[in-house]
C-alpha atoms as a PDB file:
ATOM      1  CA  MET A   1     198.958 131.053 134.082  1.00  0.00           C
ATOM      2  CA  ASN A   2     195.796 132.668 135.283  1.00  0.00           C
ATOM      3  CA  ARG A   3     194.414 132.401 131.845  1.00  0.00           C
ATOM      4  CA  CYS A   4     195.122 128.502 131.704  1.00  0.00           C
ATOM      5  CA  ILE A   5     193.427 128.248 135.099  1.00  0.00           C
ATOM      6  CA  ARG A   6     190.471 129.975 134.011  1.00  0.00           C
ATOM      7  CA  LYS A   7     190.327 127.838 130.974  1.00  0.00           C
ATOM      8  CA  PHE A   8     190.479 124.638 132.987  1.00  0.00           C
ATOM      9  CA  LEU A   9     187.891 125.792 135.506  1.00  0.00           C
ATOM     10  CA  SER A  10     185.423 126.509 132.715  1.00  0.00           C
ATOM     11  CA  VAL A  11     185.804 122.884 131.095  1.00  0.00           C
ATOM     12  CA  LEU A  12     185.701 121.410 134.397  1.00  0.00           C
ATOM     13  CA  LEU A  13     182.296 123.122 135.053  1.00  0.00           C
ATOM     14  CA  ILE A  14     181.000 122.248 131.661  1.00  0.00           C
ATOM     15  CA  MET A  15     181.869 118.642 132.162  1.00  0.00           C
ATOM     16  CA  THR A  16     180.084 118.876 135.648  1.00  0.00           C
ATOM     17  CA  ILE A  17     176.877 120.075 134.047  1.00  0.00           C
ATOM     18  CA  VAL A  18     177.071 117.548 131.470  1.00  0.00           C
ATOM     19  CA  ILE A  19     177.638 114.434 133.864  1.00  0.00           C
ATOM     20  CA  ALA A  20     174.829 115.786 136.216  1.00  0.00           C
ATOM     21  CA  ALA A  21     172.233 116.052 133.279  1.00  0.00           C
ATOM     22  CA  VAL A  22     173.563 112.715 131.966  1.00  0.00           C
ATOM     23  CA  LEU A  23     173.391 110.568 135.177  1.00  0.00           C
ATOM     24  CA  PRO A  24     169.686 111.048 136.013  1.00  0.00           C
ATOM     25  CA  ALA A  25     168.760 110.113 132.534  1.00  0.00           C
ATOM     26  CA  ALA A  26     170.853 107.038 132.773  1.00  0.00           C
ATOM     27  CA  ALA A  27     169.391 106.053 136.177  1.00  0.00           C
ATOM     28  CA  SER A  28     166.163 106.620 134.658  1.00  0.00           C
ATOM     29  CA  ALA A  29     166.563 104.469 131.295  1.00  0.00           C
ATOM     30  CA  ASP A  30     168.064 101.785 133.853  1.00  0.00           C
ATOM     31  CA  ALA A  31     164.912 102.048 135.985  1.00  0.00           C
ATOM     32  CA  ASP A  32     162.896 101.457 132.789  1.00  0.00           C
ATOM     33  CA  MET A  33     164.421  98.447 132.096  1.00  0.00           C
ATOM     34  CA  ARG A  34     163.497  96.950 135.706  1.00  0.00           C
ATOM     35  CA  ARG A  35     160.051  96.105 137.108  1.00  0.00           C
ATOM     36  CA  ALA A  36     159.521  94.890 140.695  1.00  0.00           C
ATOM     37  CA  VAL A  37     156.408  93.225 141.549  1.00  0.00           C
ATOM     38  CA  VAL A  38     155.288  92.817 145.059  1.00  0.00           C
ATOM     39  CA  GLY A  39     152.618  90.778 146.641  1.00  0.00           C
ATOM     40  CA  ALA A  40     149.521  93.000 147.622  1.00  0.00           C
ATOM     41  CA  ASP A  41     149.418  91.534 151.021  1.00  0.00           C
ATOM     42  CA  LEU A  42     152.756  91.801 152.521  1.00  0.00           C
ATOM     43  CA  THR A  43     153.226  94.267 155.247  1.00  0.00           C
ATOM     44  CA  GLU A  44     155.839  96.959 154.980  1.00  0.00           C
ATOM     45  CA  GLU A  45     158.439  95.147 156.977  1.00  0.00           C
ATOM     46  CA  GLN A  46     158.211  92.107 154.744  1.00  0.00           C
ATOM     47  CA  ILE A  47     158.423  94.052 151.597  1.00  0.00           C
ATOM     48  CA  GLU A  48     161.748  95.734 152.965  1.00  0.00           C
ATOM     49  CA  SER A  49     163.031  92.358 153.533  1.00  0.00           C
ATOM     50  CA  VAL A  50     162.307  91.201 150.200  1.00  0.00           C
ATOM     51  CA  TYR A  51     163.874  94.047 148.787  1.00  0.00           C
ATOM     52  CA  GLN A  52     166.886  93.106 150.547  1.00  0.00           C
ATOM     53  CA  LEU A  53     166.585  89.571 148.952  1.00  0.00           C
ATOM     54  CA  LEU A  54     166.316  91.136 145.468  1.00  0.00           C
ATOM     55  CA  GLY A  55     169.208  93.132 145.959  1.00  0.00           C
ATOM     56  CA  ILE A  56     167.818  96.579 145.494  1.00  0.00           C
ATOM     57  CA  ARG A  57     166.809  99.661 147.372  1.00  0.00           C
ATOM     58  CA  ARG A  58     163.060 100.280 147.208  1.00  0.00           C
ATOM     59  CA  GLY A  59     162.335 103.270 145.206  1.00  0.00           C
ATOM     60  CA  ASP A  60     165.220 102.165 142.620  1.00  0.00           C
ATOM     61  CA  VAL A  61     162.767 100.495 140.329  1.00  0.00           C
ATOM     62  CA  GLN A  62     159.174 100.983 139.493  1.00  0.00           C
ATOM     63  CA  GLU A  63     157.012  98.853 141.696  1.00  0.00           C
ATOM     64  CA  LEU A  64     154.026  97.290 140.880  1.00  0.00           C
ATOM     65  CA  ARG A  65     151.482  95.465 143.097  1.00  0.00           C
ATOM     66  CA  LEU A  66     149.872  91.749 142.609  1.00  0.00           C
ATOM     67  CA  SER A  67     146.590  90.903 144.105  1.00  0.00           C
ATOM     68  CA  ASN A  68     145.458  87.615 145.158  1.00  0.00           C
ATOM     69  CA  ALA A  69     142.514  87.880 142.705  1.00  0.00           C
ATOM     70  CA  GLU A  70     145.033  88.059 139.794  1.00  0.00           C
ATOM     71  CA  GLU A  71     146.749  85.091 141.224  1.00  0.00           C
ATOM     72  CA  HIS A  72     143.753  83.239 140.908  1.00  0.00           C
ATOM     73  CA  ALA A  73     142.742  84.585 137.584  1.00  0.00           C
ATOM     74  CA  ALA A  74     146.123  83.154 136.380  1.00  0.00           C
ATOM     75  CA  LEU A  75     146.122  79.842 138.210  1.00  0.00           C
ATOM     76  CA  ASP A  76     142.501  78.666 138.812  1.00  0.00           C
ATOM     77  CA  GLY A  77     141.925  75.282 136.936  1.00  0.00           C
ATOM     78  CA  TYR A  78     145.578  74.496 137.186  1.00  0.00           C
ATOM     79  CA  LEU A  79     145.992  74.283 140.963  1.00  0.00           C
ATOM     80  CA  ASP A  80     143.863  73.572 143.753  1.00  0.00           C
ATOM     81  CA  GLN A  81     142.532  76.889 145.283  1.00  0.00           C
ATOM     82  CA  ALA A  82     143.769  76.190 148.667  1.00  0.00           C
ATOM     83  CA  ILE A  83     147.148  76.044 147.188  1.00  0.00           C
ATOM     84  CA  ILE A  84     146.984  79.266 145.629  1.00  0.00           C
ATOM     85  CA  GLY A  85     145.534  80.741 149.086  1.00  0.00           C
ATOM     86  CA  THR A  86     144.023  83.947 149.926  1.00  0.00           C
ATOM     87  CA  LYS A  87     146.993  86.204 150.010  1.00  0.00           C
ATOM     88  CA  SER A  88     149.588  87.401 147.592  1.00  0.00           C
ATOM     89  CA  MET A  89     153.045  86.798 148.906  1.00  0.00           C
ATOM     90  CA  SER A  90     155.512  86.190 146.079  1.00  0.00           C
ATOM     91  CA  CYS A  91     157.561  88.855 144.433  1.00  0.00           C
ATOM     92  CA  VAL A  92     159.572  89.493 141.436  1.00  0.00           C
ATOM     93  CA  LEU A  93     162.129  91.381 140.072  1.00  0.00           C
ATOM     94  CA  LEU A  94     162.537  91.298 136.257  1.00  0.00           C
ATOM     95  CA  GLU A  95     165.181  93.167 134.069  1.00  0.00           C
ATOM     96  CA  LEU A  96     164.878  93.141 130.398  1.00  0.00           C
ATOM     97  CA  MET A  97     168.448  92.063 128.699  1.00  0.00           C
ATOM     98  CA  PRO A  98     169.993  92.422 125.377  1.00  0.00           C
ATOM     99  CA  GLN A  99     168.848  90.555 122.557  1.00  0.00           C
ATOM    100  CA  ASN A 100     169.795  86.857 122.650  1.00  0.00           C
ATOM    101  CA  SER A 101     170.875  86.633 126.131  1.00  0.00           C
ATOM    102  CA  GLY A 102     168.263  84.286 127.062  1.00  0.00           C
ATOM    103  CA  ILE A 103     166.228  84.094 130.238  1.00  0.00           C
ATOM    104  CA  SER A 104     168.076  83.596 133.709  1.00  0.00           C
ATOM    105  CA  VAL A 105     166.158  83.024 136.945  1.00  0.00           C
ATOM    106  CA  ASN A 106     167.203  83.203 140.426  1.00  0.00           C
ATOM    107  CA  VAL A 107     165.042  81.867 143.694  1.00  0.00           C
ATOM    108  CA  GLN A 108     164.990  83.279 147.035  1.00  0.00           C
ATOM    109  CA  ASN A 109     162.551  81.305 149.660  1.00  0.00           C
ATOM    110  CA  VAL A 110     160.947  79.459 146.763  1.00  0.00           C
ATOM    111  CA  SER A 111     160.479  76.020 147.972  1.00  0.00           C
ATOM    112  CA  TRP A 112     158.342  74.195 145.125  1.00  0.00           C
ATOM    113  CA  CYS A 113     159.531  75.908 141.777  1.00  0.00           C
ATOM    114  CA  THR A 114     163.194  75.488 140.471  1.00  0.00           C
ATOM    115  CA  PRO A 115     164.905  78.046 138.341  1.00  0.00           C
ATOM    116  CA  GLU A 116     164.669  75.493 135.397  1.00  0.00           C
ATOM    117  CA  MET A 117     161.070  74.824 136.049  1.00  0.00           C
ATOM    118  CA  TYR A 118     160.504  78.627 135.635  1.00  0.00           C
ATOM    119  CA  ARG A 119     162.993  79.162 132.738  1.00  0.00           C
ATOM    120  CA  SER A 120     161.009  76.304 130.633  1.00  0.00           C
ATOM    121  CA  ALA A 121     157.647  77.502 131.483  1.00  0.00           C
ATOM    122  CA  LEU A 122     158.600  81.193 130.495  1.00  0.00           C
ATOM    123  CA  VAL A 123     160.076  80.249 127.231  1.00  0.00           C
ATOM    124  CA  THR A 124     156.796  78.549 126.442  1.00  0.00           C
ATOM    125  CA  ALA A 125     154.686  81.765 127.321  1.00  0.00           C
ATOM    126  CA  GLY A 126     156.929  83.502 124.945  1.00  0.00           C
ATOM    127  CA  LEU A 127     159.211  85.576 127.409  1.00  0.00           C
ATOM    128  CA  THR A 128     162.707  86.181 125.744  1.00  0.00           C
ATOM    129  CA  ASP A 129     165.930  87.885 127.017  1.00  0.00           C
ATOM    130  CA  ALA A 130     165.231  88.713 130.790  1.00  0.00           C
ATOM    131  CA  ARG A 131     166.864  88.238 134.215  1.00  0.00           C
ATOM    132  CA  ILE A 132     164.206  87.447 136.963  1.00  0.00           C
ATOM    133  CA  THR A 133     164.652  87.020 140.775  1.00  0.00           C
ATOM    134  CA  VAL A 134     161.611  85.346 142.344  1.00  0.00           C
ATOM    135  CA  ALA A 135     161.543  86.078 146.178  1.00  0.00           C
ATOM    136  CA  ALA A 136     159.416  86.162 149.269  1.00  0.00           C
ATOM    137  CA  PRO A 137     159.791  87.052 152.900  1.00  0.00           C
ATOM    138  CA  PHE A 138     159.540  83.205 154.054  1.00  0.00           C
ATOM    139  CA  PRO A 139     159.192  79.991 152.248  1.00  0.00           C
ATOM    140  CA  VAL A 140     156.382  79.774 149.602  1.00  0.00           C
ATOM    141  CA  SER A 141     155.759  77.312 146.704  1.00  0.00           C
ATOM    142  CA  GLY A 142     156.359  80.164 144.179  1.00  0.00           C
ATOM    143  CA  THR A 143     153.658  79.424 141.588  1.00  0.00           C
ATOM    144  CA  ALA A 144     151.688  82.861 141.865  1.00  0.00           C
ATOM    145  CA  ALA A 145     155.137  84.621 140.746  1.00  0.00           C
ATOM    146  CA  LEU A 146     154.402  83.275 137.256  1.00  0.00           C
ATOM    147  CA  ALA A 147     151.450  86.161 137.095  1.00  0.00           C
ATOM    148  CA  GLY A 148     153.922  88.624 138.578  1.00  0.00           C
ATOM    149  CA  ILE A 149     156.451  87.837 135.832  1.00  0.00           C
ATOM    150  CA  TYR A 150     153.736  87.995 133.218  1.00  0.00           C
ATOM    151  CA  LYS A 151     152.417  91.562 134.669  1.00  0.00           C
ATOM    152  CA  ALA A 152     156.167  93.014 134.889  1.00  0.00           C
ATOM    153  CA  TYR A 153     156.953  91.826 131.357  1.00  0.00           C
ATOM    154  CA  GLU A 154     153.885  93.268 129.660  1.00  0.00           C
ATOM    155  CA  ASP A 155     154.252  96.113 131.524  1.00  0.00           C
ATOM    156  CA  MET A 156     157.683  97.020 130.388  1.00  0.00           C
ATOM    157  CA  THR A 157     157.303  95.927 126.684  1.00  0.00           C
ATOM    158  CA  GLY A 158     153.843  97.310 126.244  1.00  0.00           C
ATOM    159  CA  GLN A 159     153.099  94.069 124.733  1.00  0.00           C
ATOM    160  CA  LYS A 160     150.209  91.397 125.647  1.00  0.00           C
ATOM    161  CA  LEU A 161     151.856  88.212 126.023  1.00  0.00           C
ATOM    162  CA  ASP A 162     149.631  85.703 124.197  1.00  0.00           C
ATOM    163  CA  THR A 163     146.798  84.347 126.290  1.00  0.00           C
ATOM    164  CA  ALA A 164     146.984  80.670 125.209  1.00  0.00           C
ATOM    165  CA  ALA A 165     150.911  80.503 125.619  1.00  0.00           C
ATOM    166  CA  LYS A 166     150.509  81.906 128.993  1.00  0.00           C
ATOM    167  CA  ASP A 167     147.874  79.134 129.857  1.00  0.00           C
ATOM    168  CA  VAL A 168     149.897  76.242 128.505  1.00  0.00           C
ATOM    169  CA  SER A 169     152.850  78.010 130.575  1.00  0.00           C
ATOM    170  CA  THR A 170     151.034  77.893 133.579  1.00  0.00           C
ATOM    171  CA  ARG A 171     149.716  74.203 132.990  1.00  0.00           C
ATOM    172  CA  GLU A 172     153.479  73.207 132.520  1.00  0.00           C
ATOM    173  CA  LEU A 173     154.774  74.675 135.595  1.00  0.00           C
ATOM    174  CA  THR A 174     151.795  72.995 137.721  1.00  0.00           C
ATOM    175  CA  VAL A 175     152.611  69.644 135.967  1.00  0.00           C
ATOM    176  CA  THR A 176     156.438  69.954 136.329  1.00  0.00           C
ATOM    177  CA  GLY A 177     155.885  71.166 139.793  1.00  0.00           C
ATOM    178  CA  GLU A 178     153.387  68.213 140.632  1.00  0.00           C
ATOM    179  CA  LEU A 179     156.117  65.881 139.420  1.00  0.00           C
ATOM    180  CA  ALA A 180     158.847  67.159 140.853  1.00  0.00           C
ATOM    181  CA  ASN A 181     157.584  66.263 144.227  1.00  0.00           C
ATOM    182  CA  GLU A 182     157.162  62.312 142.666  1.00  0.00           C
ATOM    183  CA  ILE A 183     160.194  62.136 140.577  1.00  0.00           C
ATOM    184  CA  GLY A 184     162.489  64.893 141.225  1.00  0.00           C
ATOM    185  CA  SER A 185     162.543  68.858 139.704  1.00  0.00           C
ATOM    186  CA  SER A 186     165.344  67.767 137.341  1.00  0.00           C
ATOM    187  CA  ASP A 187     163.823  64.667 135.607  1.00  0.00           C
ATOM    188  CA  SER A 188     160.124  66.506 135.595  1.00  0.00           C
ATOM    189  CA  THR A 189     161.766  69.529 133.836  1.00  0.00           C
ATOM    190  CA  SER A 190     163.921  67.444 131.477  1.00  0.00           C
ATOM    191  CA  ILE A 191     161.092  65.175 130.325  1.00  0.00           C
ATOM    192  CA  VAL A 192     158.887  68.053 129.624  1.00  0.00           C
ATOM    193  CA  ASN A 193     161.572  69.811 127.568  1.00  0.00           C
ATOM    194  CA  GLU A 194     162.110  66.835 125.441  1.00  0.00           C
ATOM    195  CA  LEU A 195     158.744  66.484 124.469  1.00  0.00           C
ATOM    196  CA  LYS A 196     158.893  70.365 123.382  1.00  0.00           C
ATOM    197  CA  GLN A 197     161.691  68.922 121.111  1.00  0.00           C
ATOM    198  CA  ILE A 198     159.767  66.531 119.370  1.00  0.00           C
ATOM    199  CA  LEU A 199     156.501  68.444 118.944  1.00  0.00           C
ATOM    200  CA  ASN A 200     156.729  67.943 115.221  1.00  0.00           C
ATOM    201  CA  GLU A 201     156.640  64.119 115.692  1.00  0.00           C
ATOM    202  CA  THR A 202     153.777  64.026 118.695  1.00  0.00           C
ATOM    203  CA  VAL A 203     151.286  66.078 116.565  1.00  0.00           C
ATOM    204  CA  SER A 204     150.791  63.150 114.181  1.00  0.00           C
ATOM    205  CA  MET A 205     151.094  60.388 117.064  1.00  0.00           C
ATOM    206  CA  SER A 206     147.962  58.727 118.377  1.00  0.00           C
ATOM    207  CA  ASP A 207     147.393  58.893 122.151  1.00  0.00           C
ATOM    208  CA  GLU A 208     148.651  55.445 122.722  1.00  0.00           C
ATOM    209  CA  GLU A 209     151.992  56.311 120.697  1.00  0.00           C
ATOM    210  CA  LEU A 210     152.160  59.369 122.736  1.00  0.00           C
ATOM    211  CA  HIS A 211     151.961  57.624 125.867  1.00  0.00           C
ATOM    212  CA  ALA A 212     154.447  55.198 124.874  1.00  0.00           C
ATOM    213  CA  ARG A 213     157.013  57.828 123.619  1.00  0.00           C
ATOM    214  CA  ILE A 214     156.623  59.826 127.045  1.00  0.00           C
ATOM    215  CA  ARG A 215     157.454  56.205 128.969  1.00  0.00           C
ATOM    216  CA  LYS A 216     160.497  55.744 126.777  1.00  0.00           C
ATOM    217  CA  ILE A 217     161.564  59.420 127.352  1.00  0.00           C
ATOM    218  CA  ALA A 218     161.156  58.998 131.270  1.00  0.00           C
ATOM    219  CA  SER A 219     163.018  55.451 131.221  1.00  0.00           C
ATOM    220  CA  GLY A 220     166.141  57.368 129.865  1.00  0.00           C
ATOM    221  CA  TYR A 221     166.260  59.337 133.335  1.00  0.00           C
ATOM    222  CA  GLY A 222     165.678  55.845 135.056  1.00  0.00           C
ATOM    223  CA  VAL A 223     161.999  57.298 135.893  1.00  0.00           C
ATOM    224  CA  ASN A 224     158.957  54.683 136.077  1.00  0.00           C
ATOM    225  CA  LEU A 225     155.924  56.919 135.376  1.00  0.00           C
ATOM    226  CA  THR A 226     152.259  55.960 136.663  1.00  0.00           C
ATOM    227  CA  GLU A 227     149.434  56.199 134.267  1.00  0.00           C
ATOM    228  CA  SER A 228     148.372  59.309 136.094  1.00  0.00           C
ATOM    229  CA  GLN A 229     151.681  60.768 135.393  1.00  0.00           C
ATOM    230  CA  VAL A 230     152.093  60.031 131.640  1.00  0.00           C
ATOM    231  CA  ARG A 231     148.264  61.156 131.047  1.00  0.00           C
ATOM    232  CA  ARG A 232     149.205  64.576 132.782  1.00  0.00           C
ATOM    233  CA  LEU A 233     152.390  64.821 130.392  1.00  0.00           C
ATOM    234  CA  ALA A 234     150.256  63.869 127.458  1.00  0.00           C
ATOM    235  CA  GLU A 235     147.742  66.405 128.103  1.00  0.00           C
ATOM    236  CA  LEU A 236     150.381  69.020 128.359  1.00  0.00           C
ATOM    237  CA  CYS A 237     152.046  67.827 125.335  1.00  0.00           C
ATOM    238  CA  ARG A 238     148.681  67.994 123.408  1.00  0.00           C
ATOM    239  CA  SER A 239     148.161  71.813 124.632  1.00  0.00           C
ATOM    240  CA  MET A 240     151.829  72.559 123.722  1.00  0.00           C
ATOM    241  CA  GLU A 241     151.222  71.208 119.919  1.00  0.00           C
ATOM    242  CA  LYS A 242     148.394  74.088 119.858  1.00  0.00           C
ATOM    243  CA  LEU A 243     151.131  76.856 120.154  1.00  0.00           C
ATOM    244  CA  ASN A 244     154.052  77.357 117.554  1.00  0.00           C
ATOM    245  CA  PRO A 245     156.113  73.995 117.853  1.00  0.00           C
ATOM    246  CA  ASP A 246     158.899  75.063 115.876  1.00  0.00           C
ATOM    247  CA  ALA A 247     159.383  78.039 117.999  1.00  0.00           C
ATOM    248  CA  LEU A 248     159.079  76.189 121.240  1.00  0.00           C
ATOM    249  CA  THR A 249     161.306  73.227 119.861  1.00  0.00           C
ATOM    250  CA  GLN A 250     164.153  75.977 118.980  1.00  0.00           C
ATOM    251  CA  ARG A 251     163.853  77.462 122.344  1.00  0.00           C
ATOM    252  CA  ALA A 252     163.902  74.135 124.229  1.00  0.00           C
ATOM    253  CA  ASP A 253     167.232  73.214 122.974  1.00  0.00           C
ATOM    254  CA  ASP A 254     168.680  76.066 125.096  1.00  0.00           C
ATOM    255  CA  ILE A 255     166.913  75.031 128.247  1.00  0.00           C
ATOM    256  CA  GLN A 256     168.227  71.226 127.561  1.00  0.00           C
ATOM    257  CA  SER A 257     171.742  72.477 127.580  1.00  0.00           C
ATOM    258  CA  THR A 258     171.251  74.012 130.855  1.00  0.00           C
ATOM    259  CA  LEU A 259     169.793  70.993 132.238  1.00  0.00           C
ATOM    260  CA  GLU A 260     172.437  69.016 131.108  1.00  0.00           C
ATOM    261  CA  LYS A 261     174.980  71.320 132.930  1.00  0.00           C
ATOM    262  CA  VAL A 262     172.945  70.942 136.176  1.00  0.00           C
ATOM    263  CA  SER A 263     172.503  67.154 136.006  1.00  0.00           C
ATOM    264  CA  GLU A 264     176.496  67.162 135.234  1.00  0.00           C
ATOM    265  CA  ALA A 265     177.113  69.240 138.367  1.00  0.00           C
ATOM    266  CA  LYS A 266     174.815  67.275 140.477  1.00  0.00           C
ATOM    267  CA  ASP A 267     176.561  63.699 139.491  1.00  0.00           C
ATOM    268  CA  GLN A 268     179.950  65.554 140.462  1.00  0.00           C
ATOM    269  CA  VAL A 269     178.747  66.500 143.706  1.00  0.00           C
ATOM    270  CA  VAL A 270     177.096  62.983 144.445  1.00  0.00           C
ATOM    271  CA  GLY A 271     180.416  61.353 143.288  1.00  0.00           C
ATOM    272  CA  PHE A 272     182.544  63.788 145.393  1.00  0.00           C
ATOM    273  CA  MET A 273     180.222  62.937 148.614  1.00  0.00           C
ATOM    274  CA  GLN A 274     180.624  59.036 147.843  1.00  0.00           C
ATOM    275  CA  THR A 275     184.139  59.432 147.700  1.00  0.00           C
ATOM    276  CA  MET A 276     184.393  61.592 150.854  1.00  0.00           C
ATOM    277  CA  LYS A 277     182.103  58.745 152.481  1.00  0.00           C
ATOM    278  CA  GLN A 278     184.533  56.038 151.319  1.00  0.00           C
ATOM    279  CA  PHE A 279     187.429  57.996 152.695  1.00  0.00           C
ATOM    280  CA  PHE A 280     186.087  58.534 155.980  1.00  0.00           C
ATOM    281  CA  GLN A 281     184.883  54.880 156.216  1.00  0.00           C
ATOM    282  CA  SER A 282     188.437  53.899 155.563  1.00  0.00           C
ATOM    283  CA  ILE A 283     189.906  55.766 158.276  1.00  0.00           C
ATOM    284  CA  ARG A 284     187.371  54.325 160.609  1.00  0.00           C
ATOM    285  CA  ASP A 285     188.056  50.727 159.529  1.00  0.00           C
ATOM    286  CA  PHE A 286     191.689  51.553 160.138  1.00  0.00           C
ATOM    287  CA  PHE A 287     191.221  52.730 163.746  1.00  0.00           C
ATOM    288  CA  ASP A 288     188.651  49.988 164.308  1.00  0.00           C
ATOM    289  CA  ARG A 289     191.615  47.529 163.255  1.00  0.00           C
ATOM    290  CA  VAL A 290     194.003  49.263 165.428  1.00  0.00           C
ATOM    291  CA  ALA A 291     191.562  49.143 168.382  1.00  0.00           C
ATOM    292  CA  SER A 292     191.237  45.410 167.628  1.00  0.00           C
ATOM    293  CA  LEU A 293     194.949  45.042 168.241  1.00  0.00           C
ATOM    294  CA  PHE A 294     194.918  46.510 171.566  1.00  0.00           C
ATOM    295  CA  ASP A 295     191.870  44.562 172.537  1.00  0.00           C
ATOM    296  CA  GLY A 296     193.570  41.669 171.466  1.00  0.00           C
ATOM    297  CA  ARG A 297     196.234  42.143 174.054  1.00  0.00           C
END
């Protein structure tokens, strides 16, 4: 019996040693698949609050810093310098995912850019298979986070994203963001995404034909575009044509299915709220009728 116990304890000791050796390696591998990019101008207290929003502890993943100069390098020419500001506040957590996982985006305290806007722009930049969270200690526009996402992705993969694709991606995010303030974020992203799906057609269109096509796409969403809005979308479309139209079209299909689901969910919420409004109105009408009967007496 003592011999059996000794044998069991020996096996248990070996398993403990193996597990102790494997766990740090597994944790290291997991950390290598993630990067946190933190705005260089945040205080230590603000950084801690951002890590809480990101859902991780500081030190669990490798941390990079993003300076305001890097933000300006990515955004100058696309956004007014006053909007970019003089301090870097946006933060990013990026995790590489298995092949064919696609891109998912979550936002915390981001007031201007929606997850769909980020996804569509990042597809244009050439990102694939990543889970991303953009956060800040207080509400920010979120545009500067794009530079942080690029930095994290390139640091992990060891590959530089195409400069032209990043420029077009930045232009796309700013155009959809500006339009979102005017026509709604869902419609602006959907219109841009539909343009991606017909790049093989637009490349042979004249400017007049492209403008007409943009208006037609917008009308499908019940949107009446101004001349300025049409011109901005046309300029964006021309810049996308210089990339790989086939690849963009293929990736746009996945984005479109997500946009349709978001639109359906929004319609369901609106329909539910309308039903509830009618329900409470009918109750109000009932009590008004009851009250009128007593008033008549």
